[in-house]
C-alpha atoms as a PDB file:
ATOM      1  CA  MET A   1      21.256   8.653  11.584  1.00  0.00           C
ATOM      2  CA  SER A   2      18.966   7.367   8.321  1.00  0.00           C
ATOM      3  CA  LEU A   3      15.513   9.042   8.160  1.00  0.00           C
ATOM      4  CA  ARG A   4      14.751   4.948   8.138  1.00  0.00           C
ATOM      5  CA  ASP A   5      16.342   4.606  11.715  1.00  0.00           C
ATOM      6  CA  ILE A   6      14.245   7.612  13.595  1.00  0.00           C
ATOM      7  CA  PRO A   7      12.633   5.847  16.379  1.00  0.00           C
ATOM      8  CA  LEU A   8       9.408   6.464  16.240  1.00  0.00           C
ATOM      9  CA  ARG A   9       5.869   4.762  17.660  1.00  0.00           C
ATOM     10  CA  THR A  10       2.699   3.600  15.926  1.00  0.00           C
ATOM     11  CA  LEU A  11      -0.634   5.126  16.535  1.00  0.00           C
ATOM     12  CA  ALA A  12      -0.292   1.796  18.898  1.00  0.00           C
ATOM     13  CA  ASP A  13       1.755   2.924  20.970  1.00  0.00           C
ATOM     14  CA  ALA A  14       4.306  -0.270  19.343  1.00  0.00           C
ATOM     15  CA  PRO A  15       8.220   1.538  18.663  1.00  0.00           C
ATOM     16  CA  THR A  16       8.787   1.470  14.872  1.00  0.00           C
ATOM     17  CA  THR A  17      10.555   3.086  11.804  1.00  0.00           C
ATOM     18  CA  LEU A  18       9.997   3.911   8.854  1.00  0.00           C
ATOM     19  CA  ALA A  19      12.571   1.266   7.414  1.00  0.00           C
ATOM     20  CA  GLU A  20       9.943  -0.949   9.796  1.00  0.00           C
ATOM     21  CA  LEU A  21       7.224   0.384   8.909  1.00  0.00           C
ATOM     22  CA  ALA A  22       8.019   0.554   4.987  1.00  0.00           C
ATOM     23  CA  GLY A  23      11.183  -2.087   3.941  1.00  0.00           C
ATOM     24  CA  ASP A  24      12.636  -0.506   0.959  1.00  0.00           C
ATOM     25  CA  LYS A  25       9.006   1.056  -0.320  1.00  0.00           C
ATOM     26  CA  ALA A  26       8.603   4.536  -1.265  1.00  0.00           C
ATOM     27  CA  VAL A  27       6.609   6.220   1.432  1.00  0.00           C
ATOM     28  CA  LEU A  28       4.393   9.831   1.635  1.00  0.00           C
ATOM     29  CA  ILE A  29       4.745  10.992   5.104  1.00  0.00           C
ATOM     30  CA  VAL A  30       1.398  13.580   5.566  1.00  0.00           C
ATOM     31  CA  ASN A  31       1.358  14.411   8.496  1.00  0.00           C
ATOM     32  CA  VAL A  32      -3.379  14.541   9.011  1.00  0.00           C
ATOM     33  CA  ALA A  33      -6.381  15.476  10.902  1.00  0.00           C
ATOM     34  CA  SER A  34      -9.696  14.303  11.685  1.00  0.00           C
ATOM     35  CA  ARG A  35     -11.554  18.376  11.835  1.00  0.00           C
ATOM     36  CA  CYS A  36      -9.917  19.803   9.076  1.00  0.00           C
ATOM     37  CA  GLY A  37     -10.979  21.459   5.441  1.00  0.00           C
ATOM     38  CA  LEU A  38      -8.505  19.116   3.953  1.00  0.00           C
ATOM     39  CA  THR A  39      -9.145  16.050   5.912  1.00  0.00           C
ATOM     40  CA  PRO A  40     -11.203  14.850   2.195  1.00  0.00           C
ATOM     41  CA  GLN A  41      -7.547  14.366   1.100  1.00  0.00           C
ATOM     42  CA  TYR A  42      -7.543  10.408   3.244  1.00  0.00           C
ATOM     43  CA  THR A  43     -10.119   9.588   0.377  1.00  0.00           C
ATOM     44  CA  GLY A  44      -6.953  10.667  -2.033  1.00  0.00           C
ATOM     45  CA  LEU A  45      -4.365   8.903   0.181  1.00  0.00           C
ATOM     46  CA  VAL A  46      -6.524   5.672  -0.105  1.00  0.00           C
ATOM     47  CA  LYS A  47      -6.435   5.520  -3.614  1.00  0.00           C
ATOM     48  CA  LEU A  48      -2.041   6.485  -3.878  1.00  0.00           C
ATOM     49  CA  GLN A  49      -1.879   3.417  -1.280  1.00  0.00           C
ATOM     50  CA  GLU A  50      -4.803   1.280  -3.340  1.00  0.00           C
ATOM     51  CA  GLU A  51      -2.808   1.758  -6.982  1.00  0.00           C
ATOM     52  CA  TYR A  52       0.770   2.175  -5.366  1.00  0.00           C
ATOM     53  CA  GLY A  53       1.176   0.518  -2.526  1.00  0.00           C
ATOM     54  CA  PRO A  54       1.327  -3.575  -4.509  1.00  0.00           C
ATOM     55  CA  ARG A  55       4.580  -1.809  -7.004  1.00  0.00           C
ATOM     56  CA  GLY A  56       6.530  -1.097  -3.709  1.00  0.00           C
ATOM     57  CA  PHE A  57       4.787   2.687  -2.063  1.00  0.00           C
ATOM     58  CA  THR A  58       2.945   3.241   1.140  1.00  0.00           C
ATOM     59  CA  VAL A  59       1.405   5.835   3.078  1.00  0.00           C
ATOM     60  CA  VAL A  60       2.143   6.859   7.174  1.00  0.00           C
ATOM     61  CA  GLY A  61      -0.368   9.253   8.492  1.00  0.00           C
ATOM     62  CA  MET A  62       1.193  11.178  11.297  1.00  0.00           C
ATOM     63  CA  PRO A  63      -2.218  12.706  12.938  1.00  0.00           C
ATOM     64  CA  CYS A  64      -1.027  16.519  14.639  1.00  0.00           C
ATOM     65  CA  ASN A  65      -3.052  18.718  16.674  1.00  0.00           C
ATOM     66  CA  GLN A  66      -1.122  21.457  16.240  1.00  0.00           C
ATOM     67  CA  PHE A  67      -3.511  23.467  13.825  1.00  0.00           C
ATOM     68  CA  MET A  68      -6.369  25.110  15.151  1.00  0.00           C
ATOM     69  CA  GLY A  69      -6.483  21.922  17.941  1.00  0.00           C
ATOM     70  CA  GLN A  70      -8.022  20.008  14.452  1.00  0.00           C
ATOM     71  CA  GLU A  71      -6.900  16.393  15.666  1.00  0.00           C
ATOM     72  CA  PRO A  72      -8.204  16.359  19.263  1.00  0.00           C
ATOM     73  CA  GLY A  73      -9.116  12.904  19.341  1.00  0.00           C
ATOM     74  CA  THR A  74      -7.375   9.912  21.397  1.00  0.00           C
ATOM     75  CA  ALA A  75      -5.743   6.943  19.708  1.00  0.00           C
ATOM     76  CA  GLU A  76      -8.115   4.614  19.019  1.00  0.00           C
ATOM     77  CA  GLU A  77     -10.817   7.661  18.397  1.00  0.00           C
ATOM     78  CA  ILE A  78      -8.267   9.053  15.347  1.00  0.00           C
ATOM     79  CA  GLN A  79      -8.257   4.924  14.026  1.00  0.00           C
ATOM     80  CA  GLU A  80     -11.292   4.298  14.823  1.00  0.00           C
ATOM     81  CA  PHE A  81     -12.534   8.148  12.000  1.00  0.00           C
ATOM     82  CA  CYS A  82      -9.623   6.860  10.252  1.00  0.00           C
ATOM     83  CA  SER A  83     -11.061   3.568   9.448  1.00  0.00           C
ATOM     84  CA  THR A  84     -14.397   3.780   8.724  1.00  0.00           C
ATOM     85  CA  THR A  85     -14.690   7.164   7.436  1.00  0.00           C
ATOM     86  CA  TYR A  86     -11.728   7.296   5.018  1.00  0.00           C
ATOM     87  CA  GLY A  87     -11.296   2.829   4.705  1.00  0.00           C
ATOM     88  CA  VAL A  88      -8.163   3.580   5.775  1.00  0.00           C
ATOM     89  CA  ASP A  89      -5.218   0.598   5.713  1.00  0.00           C
ATOM     90  CA  PHE A  90      -2.471   2.692   6.064  1.00  0.00           C
ATOM     91  CA  PRO A  91       0.035   2.807   8.739  1.00  0.00           C
ATOM     92  CA  LEU A  92      -0.597   5.686  11.345  1.00  0.00           C
ATOM     93  CA  LEU A  93       2.225   6.895  13.665  1.00  0.00           C
ATOM     94  CA  GLU A  94       1.729   8.746  17.457  1.00  0.00           C
ATOM     95  CA  LYS A  95       0.287  12.061  16.946  1.00  0.00           C
ATOM     96  CA  SER A  96       2.876  14.556  17.740  1.00  0.00           C
ATOM     97  CA  ASP A  97       4.057  17.926  16.494  1.00  0.00           C
ATOM     98  CA  VAL A  98       5.566  18.698  13.429  1.00  0.00           C
ATOM     99  CA  ASN A  99       6.328  21.942  14.784  1.00  0.00           C
ATOM    100  CA  GLY A 100       8.247  24.051  17.260  1.00  0.00           C
ATOM    101  CA  PRO A 101      10.377  23.262  20.168  1.00  0.00           C
ATOM    102  CA  ASP A 102       8.328  20.049  20.661  1.00  0.00           C
ATOM    103  CA  ARG A 103       9.136  18.932  16.716  1.00  0.00           C
ATOM    104  CA  HIS A 104       9.144  14.203  16.736  1.00  0.00           C
ATOM    105  CA  PRO A 105      12.704  14.061  14.536  1.00  0.00           C
ATOM    106  CA  LEU A 106      11.149  12.897  12.390  1.00  0.00           C
ATOM    107  CA  TYR A 107      10.275  16.757  10.859  1.00  0.00           C
ATOM    108  CA  GLU A 108      13.313  18.206  12.427  1.00  0.00           C
ATOM    109  CA  GLU A 109      14.495  16.228   9.179  1.00  0.00           C
ATOM    110  CA  LEU A 110      12.219  16.685   7.336  1.00  0.00           C
ATOM    111  CA  THR A 111      10.954  19.748   7.294  1.00  0.00           C
ATOM    112  CA  ARG A 112      14.909  20.697   6.150  1.00  0.00           C
ATOM    113  CA  THR A 113      13.946  20.256   2.168  1.00  0.00           C
ATOM    114  CA  THR A 114      12.424  22.612   0.325  1.00  0.00           C
ATOM    115  CA  ASP A 115       9.459  22.162  -1.448  1.00  0.00           C
ATOM    116  CA  ALA A 116       8.629  23.560  -5.256  1.00  0.00           C
ATOM    117  CA  ASP A 117       9.157  26.936  -4.791  1.00  0.00           C
ATOM    118  CA  GLY A 118      12.568  26.607  -2.858  1.00  0.00           C
ATOM    119  CA  GLN A 119      11.572  26.904   0.964  1.00  0.00           C
ATOM    120  CA  ALA A 120      12.036  25.250   3.838  1.00  0.00           C
ATOM    121  CA  GLY A 121      10.889  25.613   7.316  1.00  0.00           C
ATOM    122  CA  ASP A 122       7.997  24.803   8.911  1.00  0.00           C
ATOM    123  CA  VAL A 123       4.950  22.584   8.133  1.00  0.00           C
ATOM    124  CA  GLN A 124       1.819  25.288   6.699  1.00  0.00           C
ATOM    125  CA  TRP A 125      -0.790  22.756   8.093  1.00  0.00           C
ATOM    126  CA  ASN A 126      -1.910  19.589   8.053  1.00  0.00           C
ATOM    127  CA  PHE A 127      -1.630  17.589   4.642  1.00  0.00           C
ATOM    128  CA  GLU A 128       1.491  18.726   4.157  1.00  0.00           C
ATOM    129  CA  LYS A 129       3.301  15.494   2.385  1.00  0.00           C
ATOM    130  CA  PHE A 130       7.455  14.233   1.849  1.00  0.00           C
ATOM    131  CA  LEU A 131       8.045  11.788  -0.189  1.00  0.00           C
ATOM    132  CA  VAL A 132      10.643   9.523   0.886  1.00  0.00           C
ATOM    133  CA  ALA A 133      12.521   7.622  -1.665  1.00  0.00           C
ATOM    134  CA  ARG A 134      13.206   3.966  -1.321  1.00  0.00           C
ATOM    135  CA  ASP A 135      16.761   4.941   0.346  1.00  0.00           C
ATOM    136  CA  GLY A 136      15.761   7.654   2.346  1.00  0.00           C
ATOM    137  CA  THR A 137      16.620  10.262   1.159  1.00  0.00           C
ATOM    138  CA  VAL A 138      13.207  12.932   0.692  1.00  0.00           C
ATOM    139  CA  ALA A 139      12.625  12.871  -3.039  1.00  0.00           C
ATOM    140  CA  ALA A 140       9.481  16.113  -3.261  1.00  0.00           C
ATOM    141  CA  ARG A 141       7.529  17.876  -0.205  1.00  0.00           C
ATOM    142  CA  PHE A 142       4.349  19.647  -1.079  1.00  0.00           C
ATOM    143  CA  ARG A 143       2.440  21.606   0.375  1.00  0.00           C
ATOM    144  CA  PRO A 144      -1.240  21.234   1.696  1.00  0.00           C
ATOM    145  CA  ALA A 145      -3.533  22.169  -1.219  1.00  0.00           C
ATOM    146  CA  THR A 146      -0.670  20.718  -3.349  1.00  0.00           C
ATOM    147  CA  THR A 147      -3.664  17.357  -3.510  1.00  0.00           C
ATOM    148  CA  PRO A 148      -2.493  13.202  -3.719  1.00  0.00           C
ATOM    149  CA  GLU A 149      -3.820  12.598  -6.908  1.00  0.00           C
ATOM    150  CA  ASP A 150      -2.492  16.015  -8.078  1.00  0.00           C
ATOM    151  CA  PRO A 151      -0.289  15.648 -11.076  1.00  0.00           C
ATOM    152  CA  ALA A 152       2.953  16.316  -9.854  1.00  0.00           C
ATOM    153  CA  VAL A 153       2.031  14.257  -6.601  1.00  0.00           C
ATOM    154  CA  THR A 154       1.557  11.128  -8.551  1.00  0.00           C
ATOM    155  CA  SER A 155       5.013  12.005 -11.391  1.00  0.00           C
ATOM    156  CA  ALA A 156       7.247  12.080  -8.522  1.00  0.00           C
ATOM    157  CA  ILE A 157       5.735   8.536  -6.826  1.00  0.00           C
ATOM    158  CA  GLU A 158       6.086   7.034 -10.139  1.00  0.00           C
ATOM    159  CA  LYS A 159       9.220   8.004 -11.331  1.00  0.00           C
ATOM    160  CA  LEU A 160      10.615   6.087  -7.310  1.00  0.00           C
ATOM    161  CA  LEU A 161       8.996   3.205  -8.823  1.00  0.00           C
END
């Protein structure tokens, strides 16, 4: 099964896949949280969506509450926070685990990808980023401290567009 065909659910609880959400676009998948020190990265993610969206790119956020309970809200609360605080208009998936025995199947695949230091495995914290090419392969992995505006992220996106 391709990464693009893994069953997903939107934050509104509708069944979907990356193929349905993104079509043939490049995708930056990010585990997000509303009460994290890195939450301001939403601003950069929205800017990426605005800048690169028209060129065949989208951000997809997956809320996760595994890191110190920093995403405790309901789907409605998460949607409200994201849209009113940061103007998020990219797709958000249902809140899911990205590590451990209940890890979402999407993250089972994503976490096999190595980062710039050659390390694969568990997501370290909120706002870890995985860049998926149009063909469904993972093109890059960026750890949480790497901001969406970082030249490593933007140049990797540019290469895919």
